[in-house]
Amino acid sequence: MIKKELTIRNHAGIHCRPSSAIIAKAGEFPGHEFALTGAKGTSSLTSILDLLALGLQCGEKVTLSVSGEKEEEAANILAEAVEFEYDFK
């Protein structure tokens, strides 16, 4: 299992558009298990609503955990998706 400490950089936090992109990236790695943990709980990155329920805001620290055959590649791609700035400044 790989764990990465990340920071939410999207100015509006993780709303519908970023959630959809993050869940889609996780879907590119079947057979892998994901967990994104913030102050309000943990999401398995299988449901947009589950991820939205974390209420992740800009500047918040989260932990991404990934396990599976290509966990290093998956962790790097998911980390990029979580920290990406989806909104215009």
C-alpha atoms as a PDB file:
ATOM      1  CA  MET A   1       0.000   0.000   0.000  1.00  0.00           C
ATOM      2  CA  ILE A   2       1.170   3.507  -0.888  1.00  0.00           C
ATOM      3  CA  LYS A   3       0.121   6.613   1.039  1.00  0.00           C
ATOM      4  CA  LYS A   4       0.540  10.198  -0.124  1.00  0.00           C
ATOM      5  CA  GLU A   5      -0.120  13.395   1.782  1.00  0.00           C
ATOM      6  CA  LEU A   6      -1.822  15.891  -0.546  1.00  0.00           C
ATOM      7  CA  THR A   7      -3.216  19.417  -0.455  1.00  0.00           C
ATOM      8  CA  ILE A   8      -6.454  20.476  -2.148  1.00  0.00           C
ATOM      9  CA  ARG A   9      -5.448  23.255  -4.553  1.00  0.00           C
ATOM     10  CA  ASN A  10      -8.704  23.854  -6.425  1.00  0.00           C
ATOM     11  CA  HIS A  11      -9.954  27.284  -5.306  1.00  0.00           C
ATOM     12  CA  ALA A  12     -13.575  26.141  -4.985  1.00  0.00           C
ATOM     13  CA  GLY A  13     -12.615  22.879  -3.278  1.00  0.00           C
ATOM     14  CA  ILE A  14     -13.640  19.470  -4.558  1.00  0.00           C
ATOM     15  CA  HIS A  15     -17.071  20.032  -6.081  1.00  0.00           C
ATOM     16  CA  CYS A  16     -18.894  18.099  -8.839  1.00  0.00           C
ATOM     17  CA  ARG A  17     -16.469  18.677 -11.727  1.00  0.00           C
ATOM     18  CA  PRO A  18     -13.280  17.720  -9.846  1.00  0.00           C
ATOM     19  CA  SER A  19     -15.088  14.824  -8.150  1.00  0.00           C
ATOM     20  CA  SER A  20     -16.115  13.434 -11.510  1.00  0.00           C
ATOM     21  CA  ALA A  21     -12.553  13.682 -12.862  1.00  0.00           C
ATOM     22  CA  ILE A  22     -11.045  12.047  -9.755  1.00  0.00           C
ATOM     23  CA  ILE A  23     -13.553   9.161  -9.796  1.00  0.00           C
ATOM     24  CA  ALA A  24     -12.909   8.653 -13.541  1.00  0.00           C
ATOM     25  CA  LYS A  25      -9.145   8.397 -12.934  1.00  0.00           C
ATOM     26  CA  ALA A  26      -9.700   5.857 -10.153  1.00  0.00           C
ATOM     27  CA  GLY A  27     -11.868   3.862 -12.580  1.00  0.00           C
ATOM     28  CA  GLU A  28      -8.874   3.497 -14.898  1.00  0.00           C
ATOM     29  CA  PHE A  29      -7.326   1.109 -12.360  1.00  0.00           C
ATOM     30  CA  PRO A  30      -9.686  -1.853 -11.898  1.00  0.00           C
ATOM     31  CA  GLY A  31      -8.714  -4.175  -9.080  1.00  0.00           C
ATOM     32  CA  HIS A  32      -7.127  -1.360  -7.082  1.00  0.00           C
ATOM     33  CA  GLU A  33      -8.405  -0.034  -3.767  1.00  0.00           C
ATOM     34  CA  PHE A  34      -8.376   3.678  -3.066  1.00  0.00           C
ATOM     35  CA  ALA A  35      -9.056   5.738   0.036  1.00  0.00           C
ATOM     36  CA  LEU A  36      -9.023   9.515   0.314  1.00  0.00           C
ATOM     37  CA  THR A  37      -9.140  10.670   3.914  1.00  0.00           C
ATOM     38  CA  GLY A  38      -9.851  14.204   5.075  1.00  0.00           C
ATOM     39  CA  ALA A  39     -11.003  15.810   8.304  1.00  0.00           C
ATOM     40  CA  LYS A  40     -14.620  14.695   7.776  1.00  0.00           C
ATOM     41  CA  GLY A  41     -13.982  11.043   6.883  1.00  0.00           C
ATOM     42  CA  THR A  42     -12.865   8.717   4.115  1.00  0.00           C
ATOM     43  CA  SER A  43     -14.024   8.095   0.545  1.00  0.00           C
ATOM     44  CA  SER A  44     -13.242   4.909  -1.392  1.00  0.00           C
ATOM     45  CA  LEU A  45     -13.310   6.936  -4.662  1.00  0.00           C
ATOM     46  CA  THR A  46     -16.075   4.762  -6.096  1.00  0.00           C
ATOM     47  CA  SER A  47     -18.874   7.335  -5.798  1.00  0.00           C
ATOM     48  CA  ILE A  48     -19.015  11.043  -6.599  1.00  0.00           C
ATOM     49  CA  LEU A  49     -21.470  11.585  -3.744  1.00  0.00           C
ATOM     50  CA  ASP A  50     -19.158   9.781  -1.338  1.00  0.00           C
ATOM     51  CA  LEU A  51     -16.293  12.081  -2.346  1.00  0.00           C
ATOM     52  CA  LEU A  52     -18.463  15.226  -2.215  1.00  0.00           C
ATOM     53  CA  ALA A  53     -19.563  14.287   1.312  1.00  0.00           C
ATOM     54  CA  LEU A  54     -15.991  14.933   2.501  1.00  0.00           C
ATOM     55  CA  GLY A  55     -16.543  18.645   1.812  1.00  0.00           C
ATOM     56  CA  LEU A  56     -12.908  19.160   0.816  1.00  0.00           C
ATOM     57  CA  GLN A  57     -11.884  22.831   0.690  1.00  0.00           C
ATOM     58  CA  CYS A  58      -8.895  24.626  -0.819  1.00  0.00           C
ATOM     59  CA  GLY A  59      -5.820  24.270   1.376  1.00  0.00           C
ATOM     60  CA  GLU A  60      -7.129  21.212   3.215  1.00  0.00           C
ATOM     61  CA  LYS A  61      -4.688  18.350   3.748  1.00  0.00           C
ATOM     62  CA  VAL A  62      -5.793  14.825   2.753  1.00  0.00           C
ATOM     63  CA  THR A  63      -4.227  11.379   2.651  1.00  0.00           C
ATOM     64  CA  LEU A  64      -4.485   9.191  -0.448  1.00  0.00           C
ATOM     65  CA  SER A  65      -4.011   5.443   0.053  1.00  0.00           C
ATOM     66  CA  VAL A  66      -3.697   3.076  -2.910  1.00  0.00           C
ATOM     67  CA  SER A  67      -3.203  -0.659  -3.085  1.00  0.00           C
ATOM     68  CA  GLY A  68      -3.095  -2.918  -6.110  1.00  0.00           C
ATOM     69  CA  GLU A  69      -0.847  -4.274  -8.829  1.00  0.00           C
ATOM     70  CA  LYS A  70       0.088  -0.844 -10.263  1.00  0.00           C
ATOM     71  CA  GLU A  71      -0.286   1.083  -7.010  1.00  0.00           C
ATOM     72  CA  GLU A  72       2.640   3.436  -7.588  1.00  0.00           C
ATOM     73  CA  GLU A  73       1.379   4.513 -11.019  1.00  0.00           C
ATOM     74  CA  ALA A  74      -2.202   4.758  -9.739  1.00  0.00           C
ATOM     75  CA  ALA A  75      -1.128   6.810  -6.702  1.00  0.00           C
ATOM     76  CA  ASN A  76       0.790   9.280  -8.868  1.00  0.00           C
ATOM     77  CA  ILE A  77      -2.089   9.752 -11.310  1.00  0.00           C
ATOM     78  CA  LEU A  78      -4.704  10.088  -8.558  1.00  0.00           C
ATOM     79  CA  ALA A  79      -2.494  12.491  -6.600  1.00  0.00           C
ATOM     80  CA  GLU A  80      -2.241  14.706  -9.678  1.00  0.00           C
ATOM     81  CA  ALA A  81      -6.032  14.609 -10.124  1.00  0.00           C
ATOM     82  CA  VAL A  82      -6.687  15.487  -6.466  1.00  0.00           C
ATOM     83  CA  GLU A  83      -4.221  18.410  -6.442  1.00  0.00           C
ATOM     84  CA  PHE A  84      -5.141  19.758  -9.905  1.00  0.00           C
ATOM     85  CA  GLU A  85      -6.698  23.261 -10.136  1.00  0.00           C
ATOM     86  CA  TYR A  86      -9.887  22.681 -12.137  1.00  0.00           C
ATOM     87  CA  ASP A  87     -11.299  26.203 -11.789  1.00  0.00           C
ATOM     88  CA  PHE A  88     -10.084  29.478 -13.212  1.00  0.00           C
ATOM     89  CA  LYS A  89      -8.515  31.824 -10.657  1.00  0.00           C
END
